[in-house]
Structure formats: structure tokens, C-alpha cells
């Protein structure tokens, strides 16, 4: 059994649509080959003027902080989306501080998960990171940011799981090849370490979360699927 909206095509909700993985998700969802996509809704601070597709709706907010309590956003989404893809993420350098980094990678993810749950999403996908672990010791000192990063990702995972979606898919990619958006260190690392294309991450998340939504139907029992780097790289899409 699937929801009425899914029987007419799947409705997708995308957070972080302007980032590398998020934009790859949009490209796949809005492609001509995506026959089962009924609608795609993005929620974010910036309108993507370059995108023109009748299936796409863009909800613009001042901030994702507390977006789960925004009645207008909730009303616009309720009953219209089946699958949510959360591709939020920043760097300490871009955010400006450890606290600002945590706000995006933890607090905003939690707000988005609660919003998705409130509007009836049945399957939620999160791009986390290899080594995510909420129990790690961490410090706000820049020297230990790697530990803070992994701990924050682990806490974000816990927030998503606690929202109790019928289906939750957590992807833990390692180094990602982000094409023209790649930083120098990422380009260098991709020559030395195993790396996965953001396109593969996006396709894997779409495929796994859509499968989760269809397999669960209207069931309330929760399943959580964690896909490590090897699972993402070997996933056939």
C-alpha cells in the first residue's frame, strides 16, 4: 500500500539544494528520465532562478532555524511530499566558528527532520559523514575540529532517527569528488584516498529513500538503514 500522493507519483522535499549533493539530487529528480517524480519542493534561503521546471516549487525562508514551527511552511508542504532529502552541511571556515558550524550541521538538520515528520514524510534521507559518532570526545578548538565534525554528524543522525520516520536512510560518505566546487585539499585527497562522486551519493540517496517509502507504505514501524562509504560506492542505481 502506498499513499495517494505516491500512487500519482512521488513528491520530494529537498533541504540544502544549493550544495554539491543537493544540486545533484535536484538534477536527477528534474531530469526527463525521472518519470515517477510528481513534484520537488526545496526549502532554503536562496531562490535558484536558473531552474525552470513545472514540477519544482521553491519555498524561501530567512533561516532554517525553527522552520519546523513555521505554520506557513508546514501548510505548504503537508500531504504533498513523501520523501525528504537532507543535504545540509557547511565547513567551520565558511560558518565562521564552531558554534555556527554546529547550528547548520546539527540544529538545522533537527529542525528539518521535525518539519518533514510533521508534514507526513514517510522516508527521510540524511547525508552524514564517514566516522560519525555522537559519543566522541570533541572540543571547539580548531585543532580538534575533525573530532567535532564527526561528533556533530553523529548527533545530527540521532536527531533524525528520533523523529521516528517509518523509513530513515543515513549515508556516510567519505571524501567526495565535487567537480568544479571542490577545494584544493579535496582535489589533492581524491588522488590519494578513496573518493566517491557526489552524483553517486545523490543517486544512492534518492534510490534508497524512495525504496524505503514504497516498502513501508502506511506502516508506522521504524526502519533505519545506514549506508557506509563502501555501500554507497557499490550501490547500483
C-alpha atoms as a PDB file:
ATOM      1  CA  UNK A   1       0.000   0.000   0.000  1.00  0.00           C
ATOM      2  CA  UNK A   2       1.287   3.486  -0.891  1.00  0.00           C
ATOM      3  CA  UNK A   3      -0.068   6.896  -0.083  1.00  0.00           C
ATOM      4  CA  UNK A   4      -2.386   8.620  -2.532  1.00  0.00           C
ATOM      5  CA  UNK A   5       0.334  11.079  -3.482  1.00  0.00           C
ATOM      6  CA  UNK A   6       2.796   8.265  -4.225  1.00  0.00           C
ATOM      7  CA  UNK A   7       0.279   6.387  -6.363  1.00  0.00           C
ATOM      8  CA  UNK A   8       0.205   9.511  -8.552  1.00  0.00           C
ATOM      9  CA  UNK A   9       3.984   9.962  -8.435  1.00  0.00           C
ATOM     10  CA  UNK A  10       6.449  10.665  -5.639  1.00  0.00           C
ATOM     11  CA  UNK A  11       6.739  14.073  -4.001  1.00  0.00           C
ATOM     12  CA  UNK A  12      10.253  15.019  -2.841  1.00  0.00           C
ATOM     13  CA  UNK A  13      11.364  17.612  -0.307  1.00  0.00           C
ATOM     14  CA  UNK A  14      15.000  18.766  -0.547  1.00  0.00           C
ATOM     15  CA  UNK A  15      16.966  20.667   2.090  1.00  0.00           C
ATOM     16  CA  UNK A  16      20.380  22.037   1.126  1.00  0.00           C
ATOM     17  CA  UNK A  17      19.531  22.099  -2.570  1.00  0.00           C
ATOM     18  CA  UNK A  18      22.229  24.648  -3.443  1.00  0.00           C
ATOM     19  CA  UNK A  19      25.101  22.486  -2.160  1.00  0.00           C
ATOM     20  CA  UNK A  20      27.038  19.888  -4.121  1.00  0.00           C
ATOM     21  CA  UNK A  21      24.952  16.838  -3.167  1.00  0.00           C
ATOM     22  CA  UNK A  22      21.694  18.800  -3.045  1.00  0.00           C
ATOM     23  CA  UNK A  23      22.135  20.223  -6.520  1.00  0.00           C
ATOM     24  CA  UNK A  24      22.993  16.753  -7.830  1.00  0.00           C
ATOM     25  CA  UNK A  25      19.765  15.481  -6.259  1.00  0.00           C
ATOM     26  CA  UNK A  26      17.770  18.224  -7.984  1.00  0.00           C
ATOM     27  CA  UNK A  27      19.405  17.499 -11.313  1.00  0.00           C
ATOM     28  CA  UNK A  28      18.413  13.841 -11.077  1.00  0.00           C
ATOM     29  CA  UNK A  29      14.896  14.468  -9.783  1.00  0.00           C
ATOM     30  CA  UNK A  30      14.140  17.016 -12.507  1.00  0.00           C
ATOM     31  CA  UNK A  31      15.683  15.061 -15.361  1.00  0.00           C
ATOM     32  CA  UNK A  32      13.492  13.909 -18.246  1.00  0.00           C
ATOM     33  CA  UNK A  33      14.099  10.302 -17.201  1.00  0.00           C
ATOM     34  CA  UNK A  34      12.563  10.841 -13.738  1.00  0.00           C
ATOM     35  CA  UNK A  35       9.084   9.699 -14.763  1.00  0.00           C
ATOM     36  CA  UNK A  36       7.793   8.918 -11.251  1.00  0.00           C
ATOM     37  CA  UNK A  37       8.593  12.350  -9.806  1.00  0.00           C
ATOM     38  CA  UNK A  38       5.334  14.219  -9.259  1.00  0.00           C
ATOM     39  CA  UNK A  39       6.835  17.254  -7.559  1.00  0.00           C
ATOM     40  CA  UNK A  40      10.013  18.560  -5.958  1.00  0.00           C
ATOM     41  CA  UNK A  41       9.916  21.170  -3.209  1.00  0.00           C
ATOM     42  CA  UNK A  42      13.002  22.914  -1.885  1.00  0.00           C
ATOM     43  CA  UNK A  43      13.176  24.855   1.365  1.00  0.00           C
ATOM     44  CA  UNK A  44      16.067  27.274   1.695  1.00  0.00           C
ATOM     45  CA  UNK A  45      17.248  30.865   1.867  1.00  0.00           C
ATOM     46  CA  UNK A  46      18.119  31.407  -1.797  1.00  0.00           C
ATOM     47  CA  UNK A  47      15.919  31.112  -4.862  1.00  0.00           C
ATOM     48  CA  UNK A  48      17.528  29.228  -7.731  1.00  0.00           C
ATOM     49  CA  UNK A  49      16.474  31.405 -10.632  1.00  0.00           C
ATOM     50  CA  UNK A  50      18.268  29.207 -13.160  1.00  0.00           C
ATOM     51  CA  UNK A  51      15.862  26.329 -12.568  1.00  0.00           C
ATOM     52  CA  UNK A  52      12.632  26.270 -14.540  1.00  0.00           C
ATOM     53  CA  UNK A  53      10.540  23.132 -14.229  1.00  0.00           C
ATOM     54  CA  UNK A  54       6.779  22.876 -13.618  1.00  0.00           C
ATOM     55  CA  UNK A  55       7.414  20.153 -11.044  1.00  0.00           C
ATOM     56  CA  UNK A  56       9.628  22.411  -8.906  1.00  0.00           C
ATOM     57  CA  UNK A  57       8.428  24.671  -6.100  1.00  0.00           C
ATOM     58  CA  UNK A  58      10.829  26.761  -4.024  1.00  0.00           C
ATOM     59  CA  UNK A  59       9.923  27.844  -0.509  1.00  0.00           C
ATOM     60  CA  UNK A  60      12.159  30.704   0.601  1.00  0.00           C
ATOM     61  CA  UNK A  61      12.792  31.231   4.313  1.00  0.00           C
ATOM     62  CA  UNK A  62      15.008  33.686   6.171  1.00  0.00           C
ATOM     63  CA  UNK A  63      16.568  30.846   8.148  1.00  0.00           C
ATOM     64  CA  UNK A  64      16.117  27.133   8.697  1.00  0.00           C
ATOM     65  CA  UNK A  65      16.304  27.752  12.420  1.00  0.00           C
ATOM     66  CA  UNK A  66      12.898  26.873  13.848  1.00  0.00           C
ATOM     67  CA  UNK A  67      11.493  26.097  10.385  1.00  0.00           C
ATOM     68  CA  UNK A  68       9.574  23.216  11.967  1.00  0.00           C
ATOM     69  CA  UNK A  69       7.418  25.741  13.821  1.00  0.00           C
ATOM     70  CA  UNK A  70       6.650  27.869  10.746  1.00  0.00           C
ATOM     71  CA  UNK A  71       2.921  27.314  10.172  1.00  0.00           C
ATOM     72  CA  UNK A  72       3.016  28.765   6.644  1.00  0.00           C
ATOM     73  CA  UNK A  73       5.785  26.409   5.525  1.00  0.00           C
ATOM     74  CA  UNK A  74       4.063  23.453   7.144  1.00  0.00           C
ATOM     75  CA  UNK A  75       0.784  24.261   5.422  1.00  0.00           C
ATOM     76  CA  UNK A  76       2.509  24.495   2.028  1.00  0.00           C
ATOM     77  CA  UNK A  77       4.084  21.054   2.449  1.00  0.00           C
ATOM     78  CA  UNK A  78       1.501  18.987   4.315  1.00  0.00           C
ATOM     79  CA  UNK A  79       0.328  15.984   2.313  1.00  0.00           C
ATOM     80  CA  UNK A  80       2.399  16.926  -0.746  1.00  0.00           C
ATOM     81  CA  UNK A  81       5.751  15.245  -0.091  1.00  0.00           C
ATOM     82  CA  UNK A  82       6.586  11.591   0.549  1.00  0.00           C
ATOM     83  CA  UNK A  83      10.383  11.617   0.682  1.00  0.00           C
ATOM     84  CA  UNK A  84      12.764  14.160   2.242  1.00  0.00           C
ATOM     85  CA  UNK A  85      16.426  14.508   1.290  1.00  0.00           C
ATOM     86  CA  UNK A  86      18.582  16.435   3.755  1.00  0.00           C
ATOM     87  CA  UNK A  87      21.852  17.554   2.183  1.00  0.00           C
ATOM     88  CA  UNK A  88      22.686  20.308   4.660  1.00  0.00           C
ATOM     89  CA  UNK A  89      26.286  20.844   5.621  1.00  0.00           C
ATOM     90  CA  UNK A  90      28.923  23.525   5.935  1.00  0.00           C
ATOM     91  CA  UNK A  91      32.551  23.899   6.960  1.00  0.00           C
ATOM     92  CA  UNK A  92      33.949  25.628  10.003  1.00  0.00           C
ATOM     93  CA  UNK A  93      35.720  28.052   7.686  1.00  0.00           C
ATOM     94  CA  UNK A  94      32.524  29.004   5.843  1.00  0.00           C
ATOM     95  CA  UNK A  95      30.447  29.110   9.023  1.00  0.00           C
ATOM     96  CA  UNK A  96      32.967  31.254  10.883  1.00  0.00           C
ATOM     97  CA  UNK A  97      33.062  29.397  14.205  1.00  0.00           C
ATOM     98  CA  UNK A  98      32.461  26.051  15.870  1.00  0.00           C
ATOM     99  CA  UNK A  99      29.109  27.264  17.208  1.00  0.00           C
ATOM    100  CA  UNK A 100      27.964  28.439  13.769  1.00  0.00           C
ATOM    101  CA  UNK A 101      29.082  25.132  12.260  1.00  0.00           C
ATOM    102  CA  UNK A 102      27.018  23.187  14.808  1.00  0.00           C
ATOM    103  CA  UNK A 103      23.995  25.376  14.134  1.00  0.00           C
ATOM    104  CA  UNK A 104      23.917  24.291  10.482  1.00  0.00           C
ATOM    105  CA  UNK A 105      25.067  20.686  10.767  1.00  0.00           C
ATOM    106  CA  UNK A 106      23.107  19.823  13.906  1.00  0.00           C
ATOM    107  CA  UNK A 107      20.368  22.311  14.799  1.00  0.00           C
ATOM    108  CA  UNK A 108      19.149  22.976  11.266  1.00  0.00           C
ATOM    109  CA  UNK A 109      19.139  19.256  10.477  1.00  0.00           C
ATOM    110  CA  UNK A 110      17.000  18.640  13.550  1.00  0.00           C
ATOM    111  CA  UNK A 111      14.545  21.384  12.572  1.00  0.00           C
ATOM    112  CA  UNK A 112      14.249  19.996   9.039  1.00  0.00           C
ATOM    113  CA  UNK A 113      13.641  16.464  10.325  1.00  0.00           C
ATOM    114  CA  UNK A 114      10.883  17.650  12.656  1.00  0.00           C
ATOM    115  CA  UNK A 115       9.280  19.653   9.836  1.00  0.00           C
ATOM    116  CA  UNK A 116       9.370  16.658   7.489  1.00  0.00           C
ATOM    117  CA  UNK A 117       7.794  14.442  10.125  1.00  0.00           C
ATOM    118  CA  UNK A 118       5.054  16.996  10.852  1.00  0.00           C
ATOM    119  CA  UNK A 119       4.012  17.241   7.195  1.00  0.00           C
ATOM    120  CA  UNK A 120       3.731  13.494   6.666  1.00  0.00           C
ATOM    121  CA  UNK A 121       7.033  12.467   5.070  1.00  0.00           C
ATOM    122  CA  UNK A 122       7.422   8.691   5.226  1.00  0.00           C
ATOM    123  CA  UNK A 123      11.082   8.322   4.256  1.00  0.00           C
ATOM    124  CA  UNK A 124      13.907  10.658   5.291  1.00  0.00           C
ATOM    125  CA  UNK A 125      17.420  10.585   3.853  1.00  0.00           C
ATOM    126  CA  UNK A 126      20.396  12.297   5.507  1.00  0.00           C
ATOM    127  CA  UNK A 127      23.878  12.888   4.115  1.00  0.00           C
ATOM    128  CA  UNK A 128      26.093  12.381   7.159  1.00  0.00           C
ATOM    129  CA  UNK A 129      29.797  11.512   7.084  1.00  0.00           C
ATOM    130  CA  UNK A 130      32.189   8.619   7.436  1.00  0.00           C
ATOM    131  CA  UNK A 131      33.123   8.156  11.093  1.00  0.00           C
ATOM    132  CA  UNK A 132      30.063   9.932  12.501  1.00  0.00           C
ATOM    133  CA  UNK A 133      29.841   9.150  16.214  1.00  0.00           C
ATOM    134  CA  UNK A 134      27.823  11.102  18.783  1.00  0.00           C
ATOM    135  CA  UNK A 135      29.895   9.626  21.621  1.00  0.00           C
ATOM    136  CA  UNK A 136      33.247  11.028  20.522  1.00  0.00           C
ATOM    137  CA  UNK A 137      35.101  13.474  22.728  1.00  0.00           C
ATOM    138  CA  UNK A 138      35.291  16.838  20.958  1.00  0.00           C
ATOM    139  CA  UNK A 139      36.417  20.394  21.522  1.00  0.00           C
ATOM    140  CA  UNK A 140      35.635  23.743  19.922  1.00  0.00           C
ATOM    141  CA  UNK A 141      39.356  24.308  19.428  1.00  0.00           C
ATOM    142  CA  UNK A 142      40.167  24.442  15.731  1.00  0.00           C
ATOM    143  CA  UNK A 143      42.932  21.870  16.220  1.00  0.00           C
ATOM    144  CA  UNK A 144      40.299  19.261  17.113  1.00  0.00           C
ATOM    145  CA  UNK A 145      37.714  20.188  14.504  1.00  0.00           C
ATOM    146  CA  UNK A 146      37.868  16.744  12.900  1.00  0.00           C
ATOM    147  CA  UNK A 147      36.520  15.259  16.128  1.00  0.00           C
ATOM    148  CA  UNK A 148      33.870  17.979  16.448  1.00  0.00           C
ATOM    149  CA  UNK A 149      32.826  17.319  12.859  1.00  0.00           C
ATOM    150  CA  UNK A 150      32.378  13.579  13.412  1.00  0.00           C
ATOM    151  CA  UNK A 151      30.597  14.093  16.739  1.00  0.00           C
ATOM    152  CA  UNK A 152      28.238  16.708  15.263  1.00  0.00           C
ATOM    153  CA  UNK A 153      27.329  14.395  12.406  1.00  0.00           C
ATOM    154  CA  UNK A 154      26.583  11.649  14.923  1.00  0.00           C
ATOM    155  CA  UNK A 155      24.325  13.941  16.942  1.00  0.00           C
ATOM    156  CA  UNK A 156      22.521  15.002  13.758  1.00  0.00           C
ATOM    157  CA  UNK A 157      21.937  11.353  12.913  1.00  0.00           C
ATOM    158  CA  UNK A 158      20.407  10.811  16.348  1.00  0.00           C
ATOM    159  CA  UNK A 159      18.051  13.770  15.868  1.00  0.00           C
ATOM    160  CA  UNK A 160      16.842  12.344  12.571  1.00  0.00           C
ATOM    161  CA  UNK A 161      16.326   8.845  13.984  1.00  0.00           C
ATOM    162  CA  UNK A 162      14.452  10.277  16.975  1.00  0.00           C
ATOM    163  CA  UNK A 163      11.927  11.873  14.595  1.00  0.00           C
ATOM    164  CA  UNK A 164      10.755   8.277  14.077  1.00  0.00           C
ATOM    165  CA  UNK A 165      10.108   8.185  10.333  1.00  0.00           C
ATOM    166  CA  UNK A 166       8.771   4.871   9.024  1.00  0.00           C
ATOM    167  CA  UNK A 167      11.955   4.736   6.916  1.00  0.00           C
ATOM    168  CA  UNK A 168      15.238   6.515   7.625  1.00  0.00           C
ATOM    169  CA  UNK A 169      18.305   6.274   5.381  1.00  0.00           C
ATOM    170  CA  UNK A 170      21.631   7.664   6.595  1.00  0.00           C
ATOM    171  CA  UNK A 171      24.519   7.916   4.158  1.00  0.00           C
ATOM    172  CA  UNK A 172      28.067   8.180   5.483  1.00  0.00           C
ATOM    173  CA  UNK A 173      30.284   9.102   2.529  1.00  0.00           C
ATOM    174  CA  UNK A 174      33.968   9.727   2.995  1.00  0.00           C
ATOM    175  CA  UNK A 175      35.843  12.014   0.638  1.00  0.00           C
ATOM    176  CA  UNK A 176      33.559  13.219  -2.152  1.00  0.00           C
ATOM    177  CA  UNK A 177      34.518  14.376  -5.625  1.00  0.00           C
ATOM    178  CA  UNK A 178      32.551  17.587  -6.056  1.00  0.00           C
ATOM    179  CA  UNK A 179      33.696  18.621  -9.520  1.00  0.00           C
ATOM    180  CA  UNK A 180      34.249  22.355 -10.049  1.00  0.00           C
ATOM    181  CA  UNK A 181      33.113  23.051  -6.461  1.00  0.00           C
ATOM    182  CA  UNK A 182      35.969  21.002  -4.983  1.00  0.00           C
ATOM    183  CA  UNK A 183      38.506  22.752  -2.797  1.00  0.00           C
ATOM    184  CA  UNK A 184      42.236  22.285  -3.406  1.00  0.00           C
ATOM    185  CA  UNK A 185      42.605  19.885  -0.474  1.00  0.00           C
ATOM    186  CA  UNK A 186      39.711  17.760  -1.743  1.00  0.00           C
ATOM    187  CA  UNK A 187      41.200  17.556  -5.230  1.00  0.00           C
ATOM    188  CA  UNK A 188      44.541  16.526  -3.772  1.00  0.00           C
ATOM    189  CA  UNK A 189      42.955  13.998  -1.425  1.00  0.00           C
ATOM    190  CA  UNK A 190      40.992  12.385  -4.259  1.00  0.00           C
ATOM    191  CA  UNK A 191      44.300  11.397  -5.872  1.00  0.00           C
ATOM    192  CA  UNK A 192      45.408   9.587  -2.713  1.00  0.00           C
ATOM    193  CA  UNK A 193      42.302   8.373  -0.875  1.00  0.00           C
ATOM    194  CA  UNK A 194      39.160   6.539  -1.974  1.00  0.00           C
ATOM    195  CA  UNK A 195      36.596   9.084  -3.135  1.00  0.00           C
ATOM    196  CA  UNK A 196      33.043   8.958  -4.416  1.00  0.00           C
ATOM    197  CA  UNK A 197      31.339  11.280  -6.893  1.00  0.00           C
ATOM    198  CA  UNK A 198      28.587  13.481  -5.467  1.00  0.00           C
ATOM    199  CA  UNK A 199      26.445  12.180  -8.328  1.00  0.00           C
ATOM    200  CA  UNK A 200      26.728   8.649  -6.922  1.00  0.00           C
ATOM    201  CA  UNK A 201      25.862   9.883  -3.432  1.00  0.00           C
ATOM    202  CA  UNK A 202      22.803  11.733  -4.754  1.00  0.00           C
ATOM    203  CA  UNK A 203      21.545   8.829  -6.846  1.00  0.00           C
ATOM    204  CA  UNK A 204      22.074   6.381  -3.991  1.00  0.00           C
ATOM    205  CA  UNK A 205      20.148   8.571  -1.562  1.00  0.00           C
ATOM    206  CA  UNK A 206      17.244   9.079  -3.965  1.00  0.00           C
ATOM    207  CA  UNK A 207      17.078   5.376  -4.753  1.00  0.00           C
ATOM    208  CA  UNK A 208      17.339   4.165  -1.144  1.00  0.00           C
ATOM    209  CA  UNK A 209      14.859   6.663   0.308  1.00  0.00           C
ATOM    210  CA  UNK A 210      12.339   6.060  -2.480  1.00  0.00           C
ATOM    211  CA  UNK A 211      12.616   2.317  -1.944  1.00  0.00           C
ATOM    212  CA  UNK A 212      12.113   2.909   1.769  1.00  0.00           C
ATOM    213  CA  UNK A 213       8.962   4.937   1.191  1.00  0.00           C
ATOM    214  CA  UNK A 214       7.466   2.372  -1.156  1.00  0.00           C
ATOM    215  CA  UNK A 215       8.309  -0.625   1.031  1.00  0.00           C
ATOM    216  CA  UNK A 216       6.919   0.954   4.187  1.00  0.00           C
ATOM    217  CA  UNK A 217       3.717   2.336   2.689  1.00  0.00           C
ATOM    218  CA  UNK A 218       1.500   3.432   5.560  1.00  0.00           C
ATOM    219  CA  UNK A 219       3.364   1.372   8.180  1.00  0.00           C
ATOM    220  CA  UNK A 220       4.476   3.161  11.326  1.00  0.00           C
ATOM    221  CA  UNK A 221       7.179   0.698  12.432  1.00  0.00           C
ATOM    222  CA  UNK A 222      10.528   2.393  12.008  1.00  0.00           C
ATOM    223  CA  UNK A 223      13.439   1.045   9.978  1.00  0.00           C
ATOM    224  CA  UNK A 224      16.850   2.705   9.909  1.00  0.00           C
ATOM    225  CA  UNK A 225      19.309   1.930   7.122  1.00  0.00           C
ATOM    226  CA  UNK A 226      22.891   3.134   7.460  1.00  0.00           C
ATOM    227  CA  UNK A 227      24.947   3.147   4.271  1.00  0.00           C
ATOM    228  CA  UNK A 228      28.693   3.395   4.793  1.00  0.00           C
ATOM    229  CA  UNK A 229      31.176   4.536   2.137  1.00  0.00           C
ATOM    230  CA  UNK A 230      31.555   1.016   0.672  1.00  0.00           C
ATOM    231  CA  UNK A 231      27.766   0.650   0.420  1.00  0.00           C
ATOM    232  CA  UNK A 232      27.416   3.963  -1.413  1.00  0.00           C
ATOM    233  CA  UNK A 233      30.236   3.201  -3.833  1.00  0.00           C
ATOM    234  CA  UNK A 234      28.858  -0.241  -4.680  1.00  0.00           C
ATOM    235  CA  UNK A 235      25.189   0.723  -4.831  1.00  0.00           C
ATOM    236  CA  UNK A 236      23.722   0.162  -8.289  1.00  0.00           C
ATOM    237  CA  UNK A 237      21.435   2.970  -9.399  1.00  0.00           C
END
